[in-house]
Amino acid sequence: MGTDTVNFRYLEPGEGRVLTEAIRAAYGETYDVRWVYDEAEVEARLAAGTYISWVAESAEGELLCHEGMSLAAAGDAVGHSGQAVTMPAARGQHLFTRTKQHLMDWAKERGLAGMYSEATAAHPYSQRANLELGAHETGFLLGWIPASVSNDAATEHRPRRQSAALFYTKLNDGHEREVYAPERHHDIIRQTLDLCELRGTLAHPPTGVPIPERTGLHVEVDEDHNLALLTAHEPGADLETVVAAERHHLFHKECLDAIYLDLPLENPATALLADHLERLGVSYAGVFPNNRTDGDVLRMQSLHRTKISADDISVASEHGRELLGYVIADSQRDK
C-alpha cells in the first residue's frame, strides 16, 4: 500500500460506528473505556465537540487507523488523546504517527495549548511514536491498565495490571504561572516542566499562606479500570486524614486496585501538605492535567494488592528511564 492511497479526514458526527467497530477489531470486548462501545454515545460526543476523531482510510474507504481526542468541554485548552487503533493489515506504515499529526495540526490551529495521552508501558512502540511527534513523558501511572485488557498489538499475554506512561505534546504557549510542590520533588518536576515547555516556574509557598481547615475533595470511581481518581481541588489542613479515610474505604470496602490523587500545582498548600501523605503509602506519579482544577496537578498514586516491577515496564527515552526510576523509587520509600 503506497502512501498516495491513504486519505486522512475528520470524523463527522453520525459516524460513531467507525470508532466502535475499530475498537472491537483491535480489542474485542476488553477495551477499558466502555463508552466507546456505545455508538450513540460516541456520536453525541462528536456532535458536542467534546470528542474529536481523525481517521486514515484507503482509497476505497476502508478504515486503516483511528486517533481520538477528548475535551472536558468544547473549546478546552488541553486535550486528552486516546483510542489509537491501527488495523492489523495497515501496521508497519507509521499510520499512527501520521494520523495523530493531522489531529495535532487541527488542535494547534484552534489554539489548544497541548495534548496529553497515556501510552501502555507493556511495550515501547506507542511510546516511540509519541516521542516522534514531539511528546515527552511527564509521569508513570503504575498499575493503571486492568489485567483484562487484551490488545492484539501486544506480543505477550500479561495476566496482571499494566502501567502507563503519561505524555504531553505542546501545541501553543500556555500561561506563565508559579508552581508549588514538595521540595524533594522539585528536581524531577523542573526537568519535566522544562522538557515539555509547560511555562511553570517552581516557587516556594509565601510565608504565612493560609491553609483551609477542610479539604475540598472530589472522588471519581472508574469501574472499568477498578480504580479511583481523587481530586483535592482545595487541599486543607485535614488532607491526610481525609485521604486516609477514602483510601481505606476504596481499598477495603470497594475492593479497588489503585487510587490516584491529584493536587493543584498552582496552590501553595500542595507544597506544604503533600509530603505528609507518604505515611499512607501514597507516592509520586507525575505532572498531569485535571479539569477540576486550574492548571496542572501533582499526581500521586497508591496501589492495593498489586505488585509492580520495573522489569515489567518498557520505556523509550533516556528521560523516560530517569523518570520511571524516580517513580519506582518513590513508591518503595520506607518499605
C-alpha atoms as a PDB file:
ATOM      1  CA  MET A   1       0.000   0.000   0.000  1.00  0.00           C
ATOM      2  CA  GLY A   2       1.634   3.274  -1.071  1.00  0.00           C
ATOM      3  CA  THR A   3       1.293   6.491   0.835  1.00  0.00           C
ATOM      4  CA  ASP A   4      -0.720   8.040  -2.007  1.00  0.00           C
ATOM      5  CA  THR A   5      -3.553   5.571  -1.348  1.00  0.00           C
ATOM      6  CA  VAL A   6      -4.160   6.854   2.207  1.00  0.00           C
ATOM      7  CA  ASN A   7      -6.701   9.583   2.889  1.00  0.00           C
ATOM      8  CA  PHE A   8      -6.859  11.410   6.238  1.00  0.00           C
ATOM      9  CA  ARG A   9     -10.058  13.051   7.371  1.00  0.00           C
ATOM     10  CA  TYR A  10     -12.027  14.393  10.314  1.00  0.00           C
ATOM     11  CA  LEU A  11     -14.728  12.025  11.550  1.00  0.00           C
ATOM     12  CA  GLU A  12     -18.111  13.702  11.286  1.00  0.00           C
ATOM     13  CA  PRO A  13     -20.992  13.480  13.792  1.00  0.00           C
ATOM     14  CA  GLY A  14     -23.104  10.496  12.836  1.00  0.00           C
ATOM     15  CA  GLU A  15     -20.062   8.309  12.165  1.00  0.00           C
ATOM     16  CA  GLY A  16     -19.703   6.858  15.664  1.00  0.00           C
ATOM     17  CA  ARG A  17     -19.891   3.351  14.232  1.00  0.00           C
ATOM     18  CA  VAL A  18     -16.396   3.817  12.748  1.00  0.00           C
ATOM     19  CA  LEU A  19     -14.832   4.033  16.205  1.00  0.00           C
ATOM     20  CA  THR A  20     -16.882   1.269  17.825  1.00  0.00           C
ATOM     21  CA  GLU A  21     -16.036  -1.156  15.015  1.00  0.00           C
ATOM     22  CA  ALA A  22     -12.336  -0.241  15.136  1.00  0.00           C
ATOM     23  CA  ILE A  23     -12.153  -0.836  18.880  1.00  0.00           C
ATOM     24  CA  ARG A  24     -13.845  -4.210  18.559  1.00  0.00           C
ATOM     25  CA  ALA A  25     -11.469  -5.207  15.768  1.00  0.00           C
ATOM     26  CA  ALA A  26      -8.400  -4.388  17.880  1.00  0.00           C
ATOM     27  CA  TYR A  27      -9.559  -5.216  21.417  1.00  0.00           C
ATOM     28  CA  GLY A  28     -12.669  -7.371  21.182  1.00  0.00           C
ATOM     29  CA  GLU A  29     -14.768  -6.517  24.252  1.00  0.00           C
ATOM     30  CA  THR A  30     -11.795  -5.846  26.571  1.00  0.00           C
ATOM     31  CA  TYR A  31     -11.120  -2.136  25.956  1.00  0.00           C
ATOM     32  CA  ASP A  32     -11.074  -0.353  29.303  1.00  0.00           C
ATOM     33  CA  VAL A  33     -13.073   2.747  28.281  1.00  0.00           C
ATOM     34  CA  ARG A  34     -16.578   1.396  27.907  1.00  0.00           C
ATOM     35  CA  TRP A  35     -18.361   4.351  26.269  1.00  0.00           C
ATOM     36  CA  VAL A  36     -16.508   3.693  23.018  1.00  0.00           C
ATOM     37  CA  TYR A  37     -18.711   0.618  22.503  1.00  0.00           C
ATOM     38  CA  ASP A  38     -21.859   2.780  22.561  1.00  0.00           C
ATOM     39  CA  GLU A  39     -22.335   4.178  19.063  1.00  0.00           C
ATOM     40  CA  ALA A  40     -24.933   6.717  20.217  1.00  0.00           C
ATOM     41  CA  GLU A  41     -22.619   7.996  22.971  1.00  0.00           C
ATOM     42  CA  VAL A  42     -19.718   8.373  20.540  1.00  0.00           C
ATOM     43  CA  GLU A  43     -21.948  10.292  18.131  1.00  0.00           C
ATOM     44  CA  ALA A  44     -23.221  12.551  20.933  1.00  0.00           C
ATOM     45  CA  ARG A  45     -19.645  13.456  21.891  1.00  0.00           C
ATOM     46  CA  LEU A  46     -18.691  14.101  18.274  1.00  0.00           C
ATOM     47  CA  ALA A  47     -21.724  16.367  17.863  1.00  0.00           C
ATOM     48  CA  ALA A  48     -20.987  18.246  21.113  1.00  0.00           C
ATOM     49  CA  GLY A  49     -17.360  18.879  20.190  1.00  0.00           C
ATOM     50  CA  THR A  50     -16.082  17.066  23.284  1.00  0.00           C
ATOM     51  CA  TYR A  51     -14.572  14.289  21.189  1.00  0.00           C
ATOM     52  CA  ILE A  52     -12.537  14.813  18.037  1.00  0.00           C
ATOM     53  CA  SER A  53     -11.621  11.948  15.712  1.00  0.00           C
ATOM     54  CA  TRP A  54      -9.252  11.676  12.792  1.00  0.00           C
ATOM     55  CA  VAL A  55      -9.054   8.594  10.616  1.00  0.00           C
ATOM     56  CA  ALA A  56      -6.833   7.236   7.882  1.00  0.00           C
ATOM     57  CA  GLU A  57      -8.639   5.374   5.103  1.00  0.00           C
ATOM     58  CA  SER A  58      -7.701   3.561   1.931  1.00  0.00           C
ATOM     59  CA  ALA A  59      -8.783   4.907  -1.438  1.00  0.00           C
ATOM     60  CA  GLU A  60     -11.737   2.513  -1.191  1.00  0.00           C
ATOM     61  CA  GLY A  61     -12.818   3.976   2.171  1.00  0.00           C
ATOM     62  CA  GLU A  62     -11.538   1.099   4.317  1.00  0.00           C
ATOM     63  CA  LEU A  63     -10.516   2.205   7.817  1.00  0.00           C
ATOM     64  CA  LEU A  64      -6.778   1.904   8.403  1.00  0.00           C
ATOM     65  CA  CYS A  65      -6.190   3.942  11.562  1.00  0.00           C
ATOM     66  CA  HIS A  66      -8.108   5.992  14.141  1.00  0.00           C
ATOM     67  CA  GLU A  67      -6.927   8.579  16.682  1.00  0.00           C
ATOM     68  CA  GLY A  68      -9.227  10.484  19.025  1.00  0.00           C
ATOM     69  CA  MET A  69      -9.054  13.367  21.487  1.00  0.00           C
ATOM     70  CA  SER A  70     -11.392  14.074  24.407  1.00  0.00           C
ATOM     71  CA  LEU A  71     -12.117  17.532  25.810  1.00  0.00           C
ATOM     72  CA  ALA A  72     -13.784  18.157  29.157  1.00  0.00           C
ATOM     73  CA  ALA A  73     -15.786  20.850  27.359  1.00  0.00           C
ATOM     74  CA  ALA A  74     -15.773  22.106  23.801  1.00  0.00           C
ATOM     75  CA  GLY A  75     -13.089  24.763  23.471  1.00  0.00           C
ATOM     76  CA  ASP A  76     -10.856  23.472  26.302  1.00  0.00           C
ATOM     77  CA  ALA A  77      -7.164  24.425  26.145  1.00  0.00           C
ATOM     78  CA  VAL A  78      -5.786  20.915  26.719  1.00  0.00           C
ATOM     79  CA  GLY A  79      -6.968  17.734  25.052  1.00  0.00           C
ATOM     80  CA  HIS A  80      -6.589  14.104  26.086  1.00  0.00           C
ATOM     81  CA  SER A  81      -5.774  11.858  23.148  1.00  0.00           C
ATOM     82  CA  GLY A  82      -6.600   8.187  23.071  1.00  0.00           C
ATOM     83  CA  GLN A  83      -8.425   5.390  21.263  1.00  0.00           C
ATOM     84  CA  ALA A  84      -5.486   4.941  18.904  1.00  0.00           C
ATOM     85  CA  VAL A  85      -6.231   1.951  16.697  1.00  0.00           C
ATOM     86  CA  THR A  86      -4.224   0.768  13.697  1.00  0.00           C
ATOM     87  CA  MET A  87      -5.926  -2.052  11.847  1.00  0.00           C
ATOM     88  CA  PRO A  88      -3.800  -5.230  11.533  1.00  0.00           C
ATOM     89  CA  ALA A  89      -3.448  -5.008   7.752  1.00  0.00           C
ATOM     90  CA  ALA A  90      -2.145  -1.435   7.976  1.00  0.00           C
ATOM     91  CA  ARG A  91       0.604  -1.884  10.569  1.00  0.00           C
ATOM     92  CA  GLY A  92       4.191  -1.015   9.773  1.00  0.00           C
ATOM     93  CA  GLN A  93       3.310   2.103   7.749  1.00  0.00           C
ATOM     94  CA  HIS A  94       3.616   4.682  10.559  1.00  0.00           C
ATOM     95  CA  LEU A  95      -0.088   5.443  10.225  1.00  0.00           C
ATOM     96  CA  PHE A  96      -0.433   6.117  13.957  1.00  0.00           C
ATOM     97  CA  THR A  97       2.042   8.997  13.806  1.00  0.00           C
ATOM     98  CA  ARG A  98       0.634  10.341  10.536  1.00  0.00           C
ATOM     99  CA  THR A  99      -2.969  10.237  11.771  1.00  0.00           C
ATOM    100  CA  LYS A 100      -2.096  11.781  15.123  1.00  0.00           C
ATOM    101  CA  GLN A 101      -0.143  14.526  13.349  1.00  0.00           C
ATOM    102  CA  HIS A 102      -3.331  15.509  11.496  1.00  0.00           C
ATOM    103  CA  LEU A 103      -5.191  15.604  14.826  1.00  0.00           C
ATOM    104  CA  MET A 104      -2.423  17.708  16.383  1.00  0.00           C
ATOM    105  CA  ASP A 105      -2.418  20.130  13.453  1.00  0.00           C
ATOM    106  CA  TRP A 106      -6.187  20.535  13.816  1.00  0.00           C
ATOM    107  CA  ALA A 107      -5.821  21.204  17.555  1.00  0.00           C
ATOM    108  CA  LYS A 108      -2.919  23.621  17.112  1.00  0.00           C
ATOM    109  CA  GLU A 109      -4.798  25.681  14.524  1.00  0.00           C
ATOM    110  CA  ARG A 110      -7.645  26.055  17.016  1.00  0.00           C
ATOM    111  CA  GLY A 111      -5.348  27.345  19.741  1.00  0.00           C
ATOM    112  CA  LEU A 112      -5.118  24.356  22.075  1.00  0.00           C
ATOM    113  CA  ALA A 113      -2.115  24.617  24.390  1.00  0.00           C
ATOM    114  CA  GLY A 114      -1.327  20.918  24.300  1.00  0.00           C
ATOM    115  CA  MET A 115      -2.364  17.313  24.316  1.00  0.00           C
ATOM    116  CA  TYR A 116      -1.898  14.615  26.941  1.00  0.00           C
ATOM    117  CA  SER A 117      -2.066  10.887  26.429  1.00  0.00           C
ATOM    118  CA  GLU A 118      -1.348   7.609  28.168  1.00  0.00           C
ATOM    119  CA  ALA A 119       0.717   5.007  26.356  1.00  0.00           C
ATOM    120  CA  THR A 120       0.986   1.427  27.523  1.00  0.00           C
ATOM    121  CA  ALA A 121       4.272   0.647  29.226  1.00  0.00           C
ATOM    122  CA  ALA A 122       3.946  -3.059  28.380  1.00  0.00           C
ATOM    123  CA  HIS A 123       5.934  -2.372  25.200  1.00  0.00           C
ATOM    124  CA  PRO A 124       7.766   0.700  23.828  1.00  0.00           C
ATOM    125  CA  TYR A 125       6.130   1.006  20.392  1.00  0.00           C
ATOM    126  CA  SER A 126       3.389   3.544  21.094  1.00  0.00           C
ATOM    127  CA  GLN A 127       5.779   5.462  23.344  1.00  0.00           C
ATOM    128  CA  ARG A 128       8.261   5.787  20.482  1.00  0.00           C
ATOM    129  CA  ALA A 129       5.507   7.043  18.224  1.00  0.00           C
ATOM    130  CA  ASN A 130       4.623   9.759  20.741  1.00  0.00           C
ATOM    131  CA  LEU A 131       8.268  10.786  21.010  1.00  0.00           C
ATOM    132  CA  GLU A 132       8.464  11.059  17.213  1.00  0.00           C
ATOM    133  CA  LEU A 133       5.593  13.554  17.383  1.00  0.00           C
ATOM    134  CA  GLY A 134       7.419  15.752  19.892  1.00  0.00           C
ATOM    135  CA  ALA A 135       5.755  14.465  23.062  1.00  0.00           C
ATOM    136  CA  HIS A 136       7.637  13.899  26.320  1.00  0.00           C
ATOM    137  CA  GLU A 137       6.960  11.752  29.370  1.00  0.00           C
ATOM    138  CA  THR A 138       5.517  13.560  32.395  1.00  0.00           C
ATOM    139  CA  GLY A 139       4.943  10.571  34.657  1.00  0.00           C
ATOM    140  CA  PHE A 140       4.097   6.896  35.040  1.00  0.00           C
ATOM    141  CA  LEU A 141       0.799   5.511  36.288  1.00  0.00           C
ATOM    142  CA  LEU A 142       1.698   2.256  37.994  1.00  0.00           C
ATOM    143  CA  GLY A 143      -0.959  -0.434  37.584  1.00  0.00           C
ATOM    144  CA  TRP A 144      -3.245   1.850  35.536  1.00  0.00           C
ATOM    145  CA  ILE A 145      -4.373  -0.706  32.927  1.00  0.00           C
ATOM    146  CA  PRO A 146      -6.564  -3.631  34.076  1.00  0.00           C
ATOM    147  CA  ALA A 147      -5.271  -7.150  33.532  1.00  0.00           C
ATOM    148  CA  SER A 148      -8.387  -7.877  31.452  1.00  0.00           C
ATOM    149  CA  VAL A 149      -7.307  -5.607  28.577  1.00  0.00           C
ATOM    150  CA  SER A 150      -6.134  -7.596  25.565  1.00  0.00           C
ATOM    151  CA  ASN A 151      -4.619  -5.810  22.572  1.00  0.00           C
ATOM    152  CA  ASP A 152      -3.507  -7.925  19.640  1.00  0.00           C
ATOM    153  CA  ALA A 153      -0.627  -5.488  19.091  1.00  0.00           C
ATOM    154  CA  ALA A 154       0.979  -6.792  22.279  1.00  0.00           C
ATOM    155  CA  THR A 155       3.406  -9.653  21.841  1.00  0.00           C
ATOM    156  CA  GLU A 156       2.902 -11.314  25.207  1.00  0.00           C
ATOM    157  CA  HIS A 157      -0.021 -12.156  27.430  1.00  0.00           C
ATOM    158  CA  ARG A 158       0.194 -10.264  30.725  1.00  0.00           C
ATOM    159  CA  PRO A 159      -2.267 -11.550  33.312  1.00  0.00           C
ATOM    160  CA  ARG A 160      -1.715  -8.704  35.778  1.00  0.00           C
ATOM    161  CA  ARG A 161      -2.292  -4.974  35.754  1.00  0.00           C
ATOM    162  CA  GLN A 162      -0.038  -2.979  33.458  1.00  0.00           C
ATOM    163  CA  SER A 163       1.379   0.502  33.830  1.00  0.00           C
ATOM    164  CA  ALA A 164       1.081   3.517  31.549  1.00  0.00           C
ATOM    165  CA  ALA A 165       3.432   6.334  30.613  1.00  0.00           C
ATOM    166  CA  LEU A 166       1.998   9.865  30.596  1.00  0.00           C
ATOM    167  CA  PHE A 167       2.950  12.021  27.624  1.00  0.00           C
ATOM    168  CA  TYR A 168       2.452  15.712  26.876  1.00  0.00           C
ATOM    169  CA  THR A 169       2.756  17.380  23.482  1.00  0.00           C
ATOM    170  CA  LYS A 170       2.988  21.160  23.481  1.00  0.00           C
ATOM    171  CA  LEU A 171       0.993  22.828  20.694  1.00  0.00           C
ATOM    172  CA  ASN A 172       0.861  26.500  21.740  1.00  0.00           C
ATOM    173  CA  ASP A 173       2.149  28.567  24.655  1.00  0.00           C
ATOM    174  CA  GLY A 174       0.220  28.180  27.885  1.00  0.00           C
ATOM    175  CA  HIS A 175       0.090  30.818  30.599  1.00  0.00           C
ATOM    176  CA  GLU A 176       3.054  31.738  32.804  1.00  0.00           C
ATOM    177  CA  ARG A 177       2.474  30.601  36.370  1.00  0.00           C
ATOM    178  CA  GLU A 178       4.143  29.712  39.640  1.00  0.00           C
ATOM    179  CA  VAL A 179       4.159  26.032  40.579  1.00  0.00           C
ATOM    180  CA  TYR A 180       4.195  24.732  44.149  1.00  0.00           C
ATOM    181  CA  ALA A 181       5.316  21.211  45.036  1.00  0.00           C
ATOM    182  CA  PRO A 182       7.130  19.480  47.907  1.00  0.00           C
ATOM    183  CA  GLU A 183      10.800  20.445  47.707  1.00  0.00           C
ATOM    184  CA  ARG A 184      12.011  16.861  47.369  1.00  0.00           C
ATOM    185  CA  HIS A 185      10.159  16.606  44.044  1.00  0.00           C
ATOM    186  CA  HIS A 186      11.481  19.907  42.656  1.00  0.00           C
ATOM    187  CA  ASP A 187      14.282  18.466  40.517  1.00  0.00           C
ATOM    188  CA  ILE A 188      12.119  15.939  38.677  1.00  0.00           C
ATOM    189  CA  ILE A 189       9.249  18.410  38.239  1.00  0.00           C
ATOM    190  CA  ARG A 190      11.616  21.119  36.994  1.00  0.00           C
ATOM    191  CA  GLN A 191      13.060  18.679  34.462  1.00  0.00           C
ATOM    192  CA  THR A 192       9.550  17.779  33.298  1.00  0.00           C
ATOM    193  CA  LEU A 193       8.391  21.396  33.053  1.00  0.00           C
ATOM    194  CA  ASP A 194      11.489  22.387  31.069  1.00  0.00           C
ATOM    195  CA  LEU A 195      11.372  19.446  28.692  1.00  0.00           C
ATOM    196  CA  CYS A 196       7.652  19.868  27.986  1.00  0.00           C
ATOM    197  CA  GLU A 197       7.902  23.692  27.883  1.00  0.00           C
ATOM    198  CA  LEU A 198       4.981  23.986  30.290  1.00  0.00           C
ATOM    199  CA  ARG A 199       5.879  27.570  31.311  1.00  0.00           C
ATOM    200  CA  GLY A 200       5.638  26.840  35.012  1.00  0.00           C
ATOM    201  CA  THR A 201       8.186  28.253  37.455  1.00  0.00           C
ATOM    202  CA  LEU A 202       8.799  26.356  40.681  1.00  0.00           C
ATOM    203  CA  ALA A 203       8.325  28.581  43.704  1.00  0.00           C
ATOM    204  CA  HIS A 204       8.287  28.294  47.489  1.00  0.00           C
ATOM    205  CA  PRO A 205       4.990  28.975  49.274  1.00  0.00           C
ATOM    206  CA  PRO A 206       4.680  32.525  50.637  1.00  0.00           C
ATOM    207  CA  THR A 207       5.266  32.844  54.366  1.00  0.00           C
ATOM    208  CA  GLY A 208       2.045  32.602  56.323  1.00  0.00           C
ATOM    209  CA  VAL A 209      -0.044  31.397  53.396  1.00  0.00           C
ATOM    210  CA  PRO A 210      -3.480  30.461  54.786  1.00  0.00           C
ATOM    211  CA  ILE A 211      -4.464  26.797  54.684  1.00  0.00           C
ATOM    212  CA  PRO A 212      -8.198  25.981  54.671  1.00  0.00           C
ATOM    213  CA  GLU A 213      -9.366  23.912  57.610  1.00  0.00           C
ATOM    214  CA  ARG A 214     -11.190  21.412  55.420  1.00  0.00           C
ATOM    215  CA  THR A 215     -10.149  19.774  52.161  1.00  0.00           C
ATOM    216  CA  GLY A 216     -12.368  20.068  49.123  1.00  0.00           C
ATOM    217  CA  LEU A 217     -12.207  16.569  47.651  1.00  0.00           C
ATOM    218  CA  HIS A 218     -13.899  15.003  44.641  1.00  0.00           C
ATOM    219  CA  VAL A 219     -13.872  11.202  44.301  1.00  0.00           C
ATOM    220  CA  GLU A 220     -14.486   9.551  40.945  1.00  0.00           C
ATOM    221  CA  VAL A 221     -14.573   5.761  40.814  1.00  0.00           C
ATOM    222  CA  ASP A 222     -13.684   4.271  37.448  1.00  0.00           C
ATOM    223  CA  GLU A 223     -15.349   0.873  37.442  1.00  0.00           C
ATOM    224  CA  ASP A 224     -13.856  -0.044  34.066  1.00  0.00           C
ATOM    225  CA  HIS A 225     -10.342   0.322  35.491  1.00  0.00           C
ATOM    226  CA  ASN A 226     -11.264  -0.738  39.059  1.00  0.00           C
ATOM    227  CA  LEU A 227      -9.576   2.378  40.404  1.00  0.00           C
ATOM    228  CA  ALA A 228     -10.454   5.826  41.704  1.00  0.00           C
ATOM    229  CA  LEU A 229      -9.248   9.329  40.932  1.00  0.00           C
ATOM    230  CA  LEU A 230      -9.301  11.682  43.931  1.00  0.00           C
ATOM    231  CA  THR A 231      -9.038  15.402  43.190  1.00  0.00           C
ATOM    232  CA  ALA A 232      -8.170  17.656  46.124  1.00  0.00           C
ATOM    233  CA  HIS A 233      -9.270  20.843  44.358  1.00  0.00           C
ATOM    234  CA  GLU A 234      -8.746  22.703  47.649  1.00  0.00           C
ATOM    235  CA  PRO A 235      -6.170  20.974  49.890  1.00  0.00           C
ATOM    236  CA  GLY A 236      -6.840  21.676  53.551  1.00  0.00           C
ATOM    237  CA  ALA A 237      -5.264  21.021  56.931  1.00  0.00           C
ATOM    238  CA  ASP A 238      -7.176  17.732  57.182  1.00  0.00           C
ATOM    239  CA  LEU A 239      -5.852  16.409  53.834  1.00  0.00           C
ATOM    240  CA  GLU A 240      -4.005  13.432  55.325  1.00  0.00           C
ATOM    241  CA  THR A 241      -6.993  12.390  57.439  1.00  0.00           C
ATOM    242  CA  VAL A 242      -9.434  12.715  54.543  1.00  0.00           C
ATOM    243  CA  VAL A 243      -7.229  10.804  52.099  1.00  0.00           C
ATOM    244  CA  ALA A 244      -6.563   8.076  54.682  1.00  0.00           C
ATOM    245  CA  ALA A 245     -10.310   7.566  55.208  1.00  0.00           C
ATOM    246  CA  GLU A 246     -11.063   7.498  51.474  1.00  0.00           C
ATOM    247  CA  ARG A 247      -8.147   5.168  50.784  1.00  0.00           C
ATOM    248  CA  HIS A 248      -9.304   2.710  53.448  1.00  0.00           C
ATOM    249  CA  HIS A 249     -12.876   2.785  52.159  1.00  0.00           C
ATOM    250  CA  LEU A 250     -11.923   2.386  48.487  1.00  0.00           C
ATOM    251  CA  PHE A 251      -9.419  -0.398  49.089  1.00  0.00           C
ATOM    252  CA  HIS A 252     -11.201  -2.403  51.785  1.00  0.00           C
ATOM    253  CA  LYS A 253     -14.893  -1.723  51.122  1.00  0.00           C
ATOM    254  CA  GLU A 254     -14.922  -1.119  47.358  1.00  0.00           C
ATOM    255  CA  CYS A 255     -12.009  -3.526  46.706  1.00  0.00           C
ATOM    256  CA  LEU A 256     -10.315  -1.239  44.206  1.00  0.00           C
ATOM    257  CA  ASP A 257      -6.821  -1.992  42.938  1.00  0.00           C
ATOM    258  CA  ALA A 258      -5.446   1.558  42.876  1.00  0.00           C
ATOM    259  CA  ILE A 259      -6.151   5.172  43.703  1.00  0.00           C
ATOM    260  CA  TYR A 260      -4.614   8.267  42.144  1.00  0.00           C
ATOM    261  CA  LEU A 261      -4.656  11.614  43.929  1.00  0.00           C
ATOM    262  CA  ASP A 262      -4.407  14.979  42.150  1.00  0.00           C
ATOM    263  CA  LEU A 263      -3.207  18.120  43.951  1.00  0.00           C
ATOM    264  CA  PRO A 264      -3.252  21.531  42.194  1.00  0.00           C
ATOM    265  CA  LEU A 265       0.279  22.735  41.470  1.00  0.00           C
ATOM    266  CA  GLU A 266      -0.799  26.375  41.425  1.00  0.00           C
ATOM    267  CA  ASN A 267      -1.981  26.137  45.051  1.00  0.00           C
ATOM    268  CA  PRO A 268       0.786  26.725  47.654  1.00  0.00           C
ATOM    269  CA  ALA A 269      -0.946  24.258  50.000  1.00  0.00           C
ATOM    270  CA  THR A 270       0.203  21.416  47.752  1.00  0.00           C
ATOM    271  CA  ALA A 271       3.835  22.113  48.642  1.00  0.00           C
ATOM    272  CA  LEU A 272       3.029  22.229  52.333  1.00  0.00           C
ATOM    273  CA  LEU A 273       0.754  19.210  52.664  1.00  0.00           C
ATOM    274  CA  ALA A 274       1.609  16.581  50.030  1.00  0.00           C
ATOM    275  CA  ASP A 275       4.672  15.164  51.788  1.00  0.00           C
ATOM    276  CA  HIS A 276       2.574  14.054  54.766  1.00  0.00           C
ATOM    277  CA  LEU A 277       0.755  11.594  52.510  1.00  0.00           C
ATOM    278  CA  GLU A 278       3.768   9.299  52.163  1.00  0.00           C
ATOM    279  CA  ARG A 279       2.841   7.831  55.561  1.00  0.00           C
ATOM    280  CA  LEU A 280      -0.251   6.441  53.830  1.00  0.00           C
ATOM    281  CA  GLY A 281       1.723   4.716  51.085  1.00  0.00           C
ATOM    282  CA  VAL A 282       0.996   7.454  48.523  1.00  0.00           C
ATOM    283  CA  SER A 283       3.864   8.228  46.157  1.00  0.00           C
ATOM    284  CA  TYR A 284       4.854  10.377  43.173  1.00  0.00           C
ATOM    285  CA  ALA A 285       3.334   9.612  39.761  1.00  0.00           C
ATOM    286  CA  GLY A 286       3.976  12.770  37.732  1.00  0.00           C
ATOM    287  CA  VAL A 287       2.531  16.008  36.384  1.00  0.00           C
ATOM    288  CA  PHE A 288      -0.861  15.802  34.698  1.00  0.00           C
ATOM    289  CA  PRO A 289      -3.859  17.970  33.760  1.00  0.00           C
ATOM    290  CA  ASN A 290      -7.146  17.779  35.628  1.00  0.00           C
ATOM    291  CA  ASN A 291     -10.250  19.676  34.508  1.00  0.00           C
ATOM    292  CA  ARG A 292     -11.466  20.023  38.094  1.00  0.00           C
ATOM    293  CA  THR A 293      -8.576  22.337  38.980  1.00  0.00           C
ATOM    294  CA  ASP A 294      -6.886  25.351  37.428  1.00  0.00           C
ATOM    295  CA  GLY A 295      -3.689  24.319  35.663  1.00  0.00           C
ATOM    296  CA  ASP A 296      -1.711  21.129  36.079  1.00  0.00           C
ATOM    297  CA  VAL A 297      -1.679  18.837  39.085  1.00  0.00           C
ATOM    298  CA  LEU A 298       0.797  16.797  41.046  1.00  0.00           C
ATOM    299  CA  ARG A 299      -0.496  13.270  40.609  1.00  0.00           C
ATOM    300  CA  MET A 300       0.245  10.759  43.348  1.00  0.00           C
ATOM    301  CA  GLN A 301      -0.673   7.074  43.479  1.00  0.00           C
ATOM    302  CA  SER A 302      -1.283   4.180  45.832  1.00  0.00           C
ATOM    303  CA  LEU A 303      -1.753   0.523  44.896  1.00  0.00           C
ATOM    304  CA  HIS A 304      -3.581  -2.251  46.721  1.00  0.00           C
ATOM    305  CA  ARG A 305      -2.864  -5.956  46.192  1.00  0.00           C
ATOM    306  CA  THR A 306      -0.977  -5.008  43.038  1.00  0.00           C
ATOM    307  CA  LYS A 307       2.744  -5.608  42.685  1.00  0.00           C
ATOM    308  CA  ILE A 308       4.684  -3.630  40.116  1.00  0.00           C
ATOM    309  CA  SER A 309       8.207  -4.395  38.957  1.00  0.00           C
ATOM    310  CA  ALA A 310      10.364  -2.071  36.881  1.00  0.00           C
ATOM    311  CA  ASP A 311      11.247  -5.127  34.778  1.00  0.00           C
ATOM    312  CA  ASP A 312       7.629  -5.209  33.538  1.00  0.00           C
ATOM    313  CA  ILE A 313       7.723  -1.598  32.339  1.00  0.00           C
ATOM    314  CA  SER A 314       9.193  -0.550  28.990  1.00  0.00           C
ATOM    315  CA  VAL A 315      10.455   2.961  28.348  1.00  0.00           C
ATOM    316  CA  ALA A 316      11.550   4.568  25.091  1.00  0.00           C
ATOM    317  CA  SER A 317      13.773   7.515  26.074  1.00  0.00           C
ATOM    318  CA  GLU A 318      16.507   8.474  28.486  1.00  0.00           C
ATOM    319  CA  HIS A 319      14.182  10.943  30.222  1.00  0.00           C
ATOM    320  CA  GLY A 320      11.600   8.169  30.497  1.00  0.00           C
ATOM    321  CA  ARG A 321      14.118   5.844  32.156  1.00  0.00           C
ATOM    322  CA  GLU A 322      15.121   8.509  34.655  1.00  0.00           C
ATOM    323  CA  LEU A 323      11.509   9.419  35.405  1.00  0.00           C
ATOM    324  CA  LEU A 324      10.453   5.786  35.811  1.00  0.00           C
ATOM    325  CA  GLY A 325      13.377   5.187  38.168  1.00  0.00           C
ATOM    326  CA  TYR A 326      12.223   8.125  40.269  1.00  0.00           C
ATOM    327  CA  VAL A 327       8.590   6.949  40.331  1.00  0.00           C
ATOM    328  CA  ILE A 328       9.546   3.381  41.286  1.00  0.00           C
ATOM    329  CA  ALA A 329      11.991   4.552  43.964  1.00  0.00           C
ATOM    330  CA  ASP A 330       9.407   6.871  45.499  1.00  0.00           C
ATOM    331  CA  SER A 331       6.836   4.075  45.585  1.00  0.00           C
ATOM    332  CA  GLN A 332       9.289   1.959  47.595  1.00  0.00           C
ATOM    333  CA  ARG A 333      10.230   4.587  50.188  1.00  0.00           C
ATOM    334  CA  ASP A 334      10.131   3.241  53.738  1.00  0.00           C
ATOM    335  CA  LYS A 335       9.113  -0.220  52.597  1.00  0.00           C
END
